[in-house]
Amino acid sequence: MKIKTTFEKVNEGLRTIQKNGGRVAISGSGGSVSIQGVKARFHFDQDTDILQVVIDDKPWLASNAMIEEKISEFFG
């Protein structure tokens, strides 16, 4: 999924994930996150202000729509 956002909102979202018990690993302009059984990779393009998130794993009960909504809340 792609989200139009800002660098500040990305950083704020990553801090919120950590405050809620999640794990964040940053590598350059991307990285990975893990929270409540959801594992994802992300890349932020500062030239276009687009955050791209790829969900690698999730609990089977969680729908993609539910996870995408939460991701949008963290970073949108």
PDB file of N, CA and C in Angstrom:
ATOM      1  N   MET A   1       0.839  -1.174   0.000  1.00  0.00           N
ATOM      2  CA  MET A   1       0.000   0.000   0.000  1.00  0.00           C
ATOM      3  C   MET A   1       0.877   1.227   0.000  1.00  0.00           C
ATOM      4  N   LYS A   2       0.361   2.316  -0.571  1.00  0.00           N
ATOM      5  CA  LYS A   2       1.089   3.575  -0.632  1.00  0.00           C
ATOM      6  C   LYS A   2       0.293   4.645   0.095  1.00  0.00           C
ATOM      7  N   ILE A   3       1.015   5.469   0.858  1.00  0.00           N
ATOM      8  CA  ILE A   3       0.388   6.528   1.633  1.00  0.00           C
ATOM      9  C   ILE A   3       1.122   7.834   1.349  1.00  0.00           C
ATOM     10  N   LYS A   4       0.394   8.872   1.022  1.00  0.00           N
ATOM     11  CA  LYS A   4       0.973  10.208   0.885  1.00  0.00           C
ATOM     12  C   LYS A   4       1.070  10.781   2.293  1.00  0.00           C
ATOM     13  N   THR A   5       2.282  11.121   2.726  1.00  0.00           N
ATOM     14  CA  THR A   5       2.498  11.569   4.101  1.00  0.00           C
ATOM     15  C   THR A   5       3.729  12.449   4.154  1.00  0.00           C
ATOM     16  N   THR A   6       4.190  12.741   5.350  1.00  0.00           N
ATOM     17  CA  THR A   6       5.397  13.549   5.516  1.00  0.00           C
ATOM     18  C   THR A   6       6.432  12.760   6.312  1.00  0.00           C
ATOM     19  N   PHE A   7       7.669  13.211   6.216  1.00  0.00           N
ATOM     20  CA  PHE A   7       8.757  12.587   6.966  1.00  0.00           C
ATOM     21  C   PHE A   7       8.456  12.631   8.466  1.00  0.00           C
ATOM     22  N   GLU A   8       7.923  13.755   8.936  1.00  0.00           N
ATOM     23  CA  GLU A   8       7.604  13.908  10.353  1.00  0.00           C
ATOM     24  C   GLU A   8       6.536  12.909  10.793  1.00  0.00           C
ATOM     25  N   LYS A   9       5.515  12.714   9.958  1.00  0.00           N
ATOM     26  CA  LYS A   9       4.455  11.762  10.313  1.00  0.00           C
ATOM     27  C   LYS A   9       4.966  10.323  10.308  1.00  0.00           C
ATOM     28  N   VAL A  10       5.895  10.021   9.409  1.00  0.00           N
ATOM     29  CA  VAL A  10       6.494   8.681   9.397  1.00  0.00           C
ATOM     30  C   VAL A  10       7.235   8.454  10.710  1.00  0.00           C
ATOM     31  N   ASN A  11       8.067   9.412  11.112  1.00  0.00           N
ATOM     32  CA  ASN A  11       8.805   9.274  12.366  1.00  0.00           C
ATOM     33  C   ASN A  11       7.875   9.182  13.563  1.00  0.00           C
ATOM     34  N   GLU A  12       6.821   9.987  13.575  1.00  0.00           N
ATOM     35  CA  GLU A  12       5.845   9.951  14.651  1.00  0.00           C
ATOM     36  C   GLU A  12       5.151   8.584  14.702  1.00  0.00           C
ATOM     37  N   GLY A  13       4.789   8.053  13.537  1.00  0.00           N
ATOM     38  CA  GLY A  13       4.156   6.733  13.478  1.00  0.00           C
ATOM     39  C   GLY A  13       5.072   5.633  13.993  1.00  0.00           C
ATOM     40  N   LEU A  14       6.350   5.701  13.637  1.00  0.00           N
ATOM     41  CA  LEU A  14       7.305   4.697  14.111  1.00  0.00           C
ATOM     42  C   LEU A  14       7.476   4.783  15.630  1.00  0.00           C
ATOM     43  N   ARG A  15       7.511   5.999  16.173  1.00  0.00           N
ATOM     44  CA  ARG A  15       7.600   6.159  17.631  1.00  0.00           C
ATOM     45  C   ARG A  15       6.355   5.595  18.308  1.00  0.00           C
ATOM     46  N   THR A  16       5.187   5.824  17.716  1.00  0.00           N
ATOM     47  CA  THR A  16       3.937   5.312  18.284  1.00  0.00           C
ATOM     48  C   THR A  16       3.931   3.785  18.291  1.00  0.00           C
ATOM     49  N   ILE A  17       4.415   3.195  17.221  1.00  0.00           N
ATOM     50  CA  ILE A  17       4.509   1.730  17.165  1.00  0.00           C
ATOM     51  C   ILE A  17       5.390   1.226  18.300  1.00  0.00           C
ATOM     52  N   GLN A  18       6.535   1.863  18.520  1.00  0.00           N
ATOM     53  CA  GLN A  18       7.430   1.444  19.602  1.00  0.00           C
ATOM     54  C   GLN A  18       6.778   1.641  20.968  1.00  0.00           C
ATOM     55  N   LYS A  19       6.075   2.758  21.172  1.00  0.00           N
ATOM     56  CA  LYS A  19       5.398   3.014  22.448  1.00  0.00           C
ATOM     57  C   LYS A  19       4.344   1.961  22.751  1.00  0.00           C
ATOM     58  N   ASN A  20       3.769   1.386  21.686  1.00  0.00           N
ATOM     59  CA  ASN A  20       2.729   0.366  21.851  1.00  0.00           C
ATOM     60  C   ASN A  20       3.295  -1.045  21.861  1.00  0.00           C
ATOM     61  N   GLY A  21       4.589  -1.176  22.079  1.00  0.00           N
ATOM     62  CA  GLY A  21       5.208  -2.497  22.212  1.00  0.00           C
ATOM     63  C   GLY A  21       5.714  -3.106  20.924  1.00  0.00           C
ATOM     64  N   GLY A  22       5.667  -2.353  19.839  1.00  0.00           N
ATOM     65  CA  GLY A  22       6.146  -2.869  18.567  1.00  0.00           C
ATOM     66  C   GLY A  22       7.654  -2.718  18.421  1.00  0.00           C
ATOM     67  N   ARG A  23       8.179  -3.365  17.399  1.00  0.00           N
ATOM     68  CA  ARG A  23       9.602  -3.280  17.094  1.00  0.00           C
ATOM     69  C   ARG A  23       9.779  -2.575  15.761  1.00  0.00           C
ATOM     70  N   VAL A  24      10.789  -1.726  15.713  1.00  0.00           N
ATOM     71  CA  VAL A  24      11.096  -0.975  14.504  1.00  0.00           C
ATOM     72  C   VAL A  24      12.576  -1.146  14.199  1.00  0.00           C
ATOM     73  N   ALA A  25      12.894  -1.479  12.962  1.00  0.00           N
ATOM     74  CA  ALA A  25      14.276  -1.556  12.488  1.00  0.00           C
ATOM     75  C   ALA A  25      14.379  -0.658  11.265  1.00  0.00           C
ATOM     76  N   ILE A  26      15.283   0.319  11.330  1.00  0.00           N
ATOM     77  CA  ILE A  26      15.419   1.279  10.236  1.00  0.00           C
ATOM     78  C   ILE A  26      16.733   1.028   9.505  1.00  0.00           C
ATOM     79  N   SER A  27      16.638   1.075   8.180  1.00  0.00           N
ATOM     80  CA  SER A  27      17.799   0.917   7.320  1.00  0.00           C
ATOM     81  C   SER A  27      17.682   1.917   6.183  1.00  0.00           C
ATOM     82  N   GLY A  28      18.465   2.984   6.230  1.00  0.00           N
ATOM     83  CA  GLY A  28      18.374   4.016   5.197  1.00  0.00           C
ATOM     84  C   GLY A  28      17.023   4.693   5.234  1.00  0.00           C
ATOM     85  N   SER A  29      16.320   4.718   4.117  1.00  0.00           N
ATOM     86  CA  SER A  29      15.007   5.361   4.048  1.00  0.00           C
ATOM     87  C   SER A  29      13.871   4.354   4.189  1.00  0.00           C
ATOM     88  N   GLY A  30      14.196   3.185   4.699  1.00  0.00           N
ATOM     89  CA  GLY A  30      13.187   2.149   4.878  1.00  0.00           C
ATOM     90  C   GLY A  30      13.455   1.349   6.132  1.00  0.00           C
ATOM     91  N   GLY A  31      12.836   0.194   6.187  1.00  0.00           N
ATOM     92  CA  GLY A  31      13.036  -0.668   7.339  1.00  0.00           C
ATOM     93  C   GLY A  31      11.901  -1.647   7.498  1.00  0.00           C
ATOM     94  N   SER A  32      11.737  -2.101   8.735  1.00  0.00           N
ATOM     95  CA  SER A  32      10.682  -3.057   9.024  1.00  0.00           C
ATOM     96  C   SER A  32      10.050  -2.735  10.369  1.00  0.00           C
ATOM     97  N   VAL A  33       8.808  -3.176  10.514  1.00  0.00           N
ATOM     98  CA  VAL A  33       8.084  -3.016  11.768  1.00  0.00           C
ATOM     99  C   VAL A  33       7.393  -4.339  12.095  1.00  0.00           C
ATOM    100  N   SER A  34       7.179  -4.528  13.382  1.00  0.00           N
ATOM    101  CA  SER A  34       6.470  -5.703  13.857  1.00  0.00           C
ATOM    102  C   SER A  34       5.664  -5.288  15.079  1.00  0.00           C
ATOM    103  N   ILE A  35       4.358  -5.520  15.025  1.00  0.00           N
ATOM    104  CA  ILE A  35       3.497  -5.191  16.156  1.00  0.00           C
ATOM    105  C   ILE A  35       2.262  -6.093  16.123  1.00  0.00           C
ATOM    106  N   GLN A  36       1.942  -6.672  17.250  1.00  0.00           N
ATOM    107  CA  GLN A  36       0.757  -7.516  17.432  1.00  0.00           C
ATOM    108  C   GLN A  36       0.601  -8.557  16.332  1.00  0.00           C
ATOM    109  N   GLY A  37       1.702  -9.207  15.978  1.00  0.00           N
ATOM    110  CA  GLY A  37       1.653 -10.271  14.990  1.00  0.00           C
ATOM    111  C   GLY A  37       1.715  -9.817  13.548  1.00  0.00           C
ATOM    112  N   VAL A  38       1.727  -8.513  13.315  1.00  0.00           N
ATOM    113  CA  VAL A  38       1.835  -7.974  11.958  1.00  0.00           C
ATOM    114  C   VAL A  38       3.297  -7.621  11.707  1.00  0.00           C
ATOM    115  N   LYS A  39       3.826  -8.126  10.599  1.00  0.00           N
ATOM    116  CA  LYS A  39       5.194  -7.811  10.199  1.00  0.00           C
ATOM    117  C   LYS A  39       5.135  -7.153   8.825  1.00  0.00           C
ATOM    118  N   ALA A  40       5.851  -6.028   8.690  1.00  0.00           N
ATOM    119  CA  ALA A  40       5.807  -5.292   7.440  1.00  0.00           C
ATOM    120  C   ALA A  40       7.152  -4.633   7.154  1.00  0.00           C
ATOM    121  N   ARG A  41       7.377  -4.361   5.873  1.00  0.00           N
ATOM    122  CA  ARG A  41       8.537  -3.590   5.423  1.00  0.00           C
ATOM    123  C   ARG A  41       8.024  -2.259   4.897  1.00  0.00           C
ATOM    124  N   PHE A  42       8.860  -1.239   5.000  1.00  0.00           N
ATOM    125  CA  PHE A  42       8.444   0.065   4.498  1.00  0.00           C
ATOM    126  C   PHE A  42       9.605   0.792   3.840  1.00  0.00           C
ATOM    127  N   HIS A  43       9.247   1.717   2.957  1.00  0.00           N
ATOM    128  CA  HIS A  43      10.220   2.597   2.319  1.00  0.00           C
ATOM    129  C   HIS A  43       9.559   3.951   2.141  1.00  0.00           C
ATOM    130  N   PHE A  44      10.249   5.017   2.550  1.00  0.00           N
ATOM    131  CA  PHE A  44       9.719   6.368   2.403  1.00  0.00           C
ATOM    132  C   PHE A  44      10.550   7.128   1.387  1.00  0.00           C
ATOM    133  N   ASP A  45       9.888   7.630   0.360  1.00  0.00           N
ATOM    134  CA  ASP A  45      10.540   8.427  -0.674  1.00  0.00           C
ATOM    135  C   ASP A  45      10.317   9.896  -0.338  1.00  0.00           C
ATOM    136  N   GLN A  46      11.374  10.573   0.120  1.00  0.00           N
ATOM    137  CA  GLN A  46      11.244  11.969   0.534  1.00  0.00           C
ATOM    138  C   GLN A  46      10.990  12.907  -0.648  1.00  0.00           C
ATOM    139  N   ASP A  47      11.361  12.504  -1.844  1.00  0.00           N
ATOM    140  CA  ASP A  47      11.121  13.353  -3.015  1.00  0.00           C
ATOM    141  C   ASP A  47       9.636  13.443  -3.362  1.00  0.00           C
ATOM    142  N   THR A  48       8.909  12.339  -3.151  1.00  0.00           N
ATOM    143  CA  THR A  48       7.480  12.304  -3.490  1.00  0.00           C
ATOM    144  C   THR A  48       6.568  12.291  -2.267  1.00  0.00           C
ATOM    145  N   ASP A  49       7.159  12.157  -1.063  1.00  0.00           N
ATOM    146  CA  ASP A  49       6.397  12.022   0.192  1.00  0.00           C
ATOM    147  C   ASP A  49       5.461  10.828   0.157  1.00  0.00           C
ATOM    148  N   ILE A  50       5.928   9.735  -0.436  1.00  0.00           N
ATOM    149  CA  ILE A  50       5.143   8.497  -0.497  1.00  0.00           C
ATOM    150  C   ILE A  50       5.794   7.448   0.400  1.00  0.00           C
ATOM    151  N   LEU A  51       4.991   6.905   1.309  1.00  0.00           N
ATOM    152  CA  LEU A  51       5.410   5.788   2.147  1.00  0.00           C
ATOM    153  C   LEU A  51       4.813   4.529   1.542  1.00  0.00           C
ATOM    154  N   GLN A  52       5.671   3.590   1.202  1.00  0.00           N
ATOM    155  CA  GLN A  52       5.198   2.309   0.671  1.00  0.00           C
ATOM    156  C   GLN A  52       5.372   1.260   1.762  1.00  0.00           C
ATOM    157  N   VAL A  53       4.303   0.539   2.038  1.00  0.00           N
ATOM    158  CA  VAL A  53       4.297  -0.488   3.084  1.00  0.00           C
ATOM    159  C   VAL A  53       3.893  -1.819   2.461  1.00  0.00           C
ATOM    160  N   VAL A  54       4.682  -2.858   2.751  1.00  0.00           N
ATOM    161  CA  VAL A  54       4.386  -4.208   2.289  1.00  0.00           C
ATOM    162  C   VAL A  54       4.189  -5.081   3.525  1.00  0.00           C
ATOM    163  N   ILE A  55       3.022  -5.677   3.644  1.00  0.00           N
ATOM    164  CA  ILE A  55       2.724  -6.559   4.776  1.00  0.00           C
ATOM    165  C   ILE A  55       3.267  -7.943   4.448  1.00  0.00           C
ATOM    166  N   ASP A  56       4.179  -8.420   5.293  1.00  0.00           N
ATOM    167  CA  ASP A  56       4.791  -9.729   5.078  1.00  0.00           C
ATOM    168  C   ASP A  56       4.089 -10.849   5.828  1.00  0.00           C
ATOM    169  N   ASP A  57       3.505 -10.530   6.976  1.00  0.00           N
ATOM    170  CA  ASP A  57       2.844 -11.561   7.784  1.00  0.00           C
ATOM    171  C   ASP A  57       1.810 -10.870   8.663  1.00  0.00           C
ATOM    172  N   LYS A  58       0.726 -11.592   8.957  1.00  0.00           N
ATOM    173  CA  LYS A  58      -0.324 -11.047   9.804  1.00  0.00           C
ATOM    174  C   LYS A  58      -1.088 -12.198  10.445  1.00  0.00           C
ATOM    175  N   PRO A  59      -1.765 -11.931  11.564  1.00  0.00           N
ATOM    176  CA  PRO A  59      -2.630 -12.962  12.149  1.00  0.00           C
ATOM    177  C   PRO A  59      -3.738 -13.324  11.165  1.00  0.00           C
ATOM    178  N   TRP A  60      -4.106 -14.569  11.103  1.00  0.00           N
ATOM    179  CA  TRP A  60      -5.090 -15.001  10.110  1.00  0.00           C
ATOM    180  C   TRP A  60      -6.463 -14.367  10.332  1.00  0.00           C
ATOM    181  N   LEU A  61      -6.752 -13.948  11.555  1.00  0.00           N
ATOM    182  CA  LEU A  61      -8.044 -13.313  11.829  1.00  0.00           C
ATOM    183  C   LEU A  61      -8.112 -11.860  11.367  1.00  0.00           C
ATOM    184  N   ALA A  62      -6.981 -11.236  11.175  1.00  0.00           N
ATOM    185  CA  ALA A  62      -6.947  -9.822  10.784  1.00  0.00           C
ATOM    186  C   ALA A  62      -7.059  -9.702   9.265  1.00  0.00           C
ATOM    187  N   SER A  63      -8.041  -8.938   8.824  1.00  0.00           N
ATOM    188  CA  SER A  63      -8.210  -8.741   7.380  1.00  0.00           C
ATOM    189  C   SER A  63      -7.187  -7.719   6.886  1.00  0.00           C
ATOM    190  N   ASN A  64      -6.900  -7.778   5.593  1.00  0.00           N
ATOM    191  CA  ASN A  64      -5.995  -6.791   5.002  1.00  0.00           C
ATOM    192  C   ASN A  64      -6.548  -5.383   5.180  1.00  0.00           C
ATOM    193  N   ALA A  65      -7.842  -5.215   5.017  1.00  0.00           N
ATOM    194  CA  ALA A  65      -8.462  -3.898   5.165  1.00  0.00           C
ATOM    195  C   ALA A  65      -8.260  -3.346   6.578  1.00  0.00           C
ATOM    196  N   MET A  66      -8.391  -4.210   7.588  1.00  0.00           N
ATOM    197  CA  MET A  66      -8.208  -3.796   8.973  1.00  0.00           C
ATOM    198  C   MET A  66      -6.767  -3.327   9.205  1.00  0.00           C
ATOM    199  N   ILE A  67      -5.822  -4.080   8.683  1.00  0.00           N
ATOM    200  CA  ILE A  67      -4.407  -3.733   8.855  1.00  0.00           C
ATOM    201  C   ILE A  67      -4.082  -2.449   8.097  1.00  0.00           C
ATOM    202  N   GLU A  68      -4.577  -2.308   6.892  1.00  0.00           N
ATOM    203  CA  GLU A  68      -4.330  -1.092   6.121  1.00  0.00           C
ATOM    204  C   GLU A  68      -4.912   0.129   6.804  1.00  0.00           C
ATOM    205  N   GLU A  69      -6.059  -0.019   7.444  1.00  0.00           N
ATOM    206  CA  GLU A  69      -6.665   1.092   8.183  1.00  0.00           C
ATOM    207  C   GLU A  69      -5.764   1.514   9.343  1.00  0.00           C
ATOM    208  N   LYS A  70      -5.230   0.547  10.074  1.00  0.00           N
ATOM    209  CA  LYS A  70      -4.335   0.845  11.201  1.00  0.00           C
ATOM    210  C   LYS A  70      -3.046   1.491  10.712  1.00  0.00           C
ATOM    211  N   ILE A  71      -2.511   0.997   9.609  1.00  0.00           N
ATOM    212  CA  ILE A  71      -1.285   1.591   9.046  1.00  0.00           C
ATOM    213  C   ILE A  71      -1.552   3.055   8.686  1.00  0.00           C
ATOM    214  N   SER A  72      -2.685   3.320   8.081  1.00  0.00           N
ATOM    215  CA  SER A  72      -3.051   4.696   7.733  1.00  0.00           C
ATOM    216  C   SER A  72      -3.181   5.568   8.964  1.00  0.00           C
ATOM    217  N   GLU A  73      -3.696   5.011  10.062  1.00  0.00           N
ATOM    218  CA  GLU A  73      -3.802   5.765  11.309  1.00  0.00           C
ATOM    219  C   GLU A  73      -2.415   6.133  11.837  1.00  0.00           C
ATOM    220  N   PHE A  74      -1.468   5.201  11.773  1.00  0.00           N
ATOM    221  CA  PHE A  74      -0.108   5.464  12.267  1.00  0.00           C
ATOM    222  C   PHE A  74       0.604   6.517  11.441  1.00  0.00           C
ATOM    223  N   PHE A  75       0.451   6.482  10.117  1.00  0.00           N
ATOM    224  CA  PHE A  75       1.285   7.291   9.237  1.00  0.00           C
ATOM    225  C   PHE A  75       0.568   8.366   8.437  1.00  0.00           C
ATOM    226  N   GLY A  76      -0.742   8.331   8.391  1.00  0.00           N
ATOM    227  CA  GLY A  76      -1.486   9.257   7.543  1.00  0.00           C
ATOM    228  C   GLY A  76      -1.698  10.632   8.137  1.00  0.00           C
TER     229      GLY A  76
END
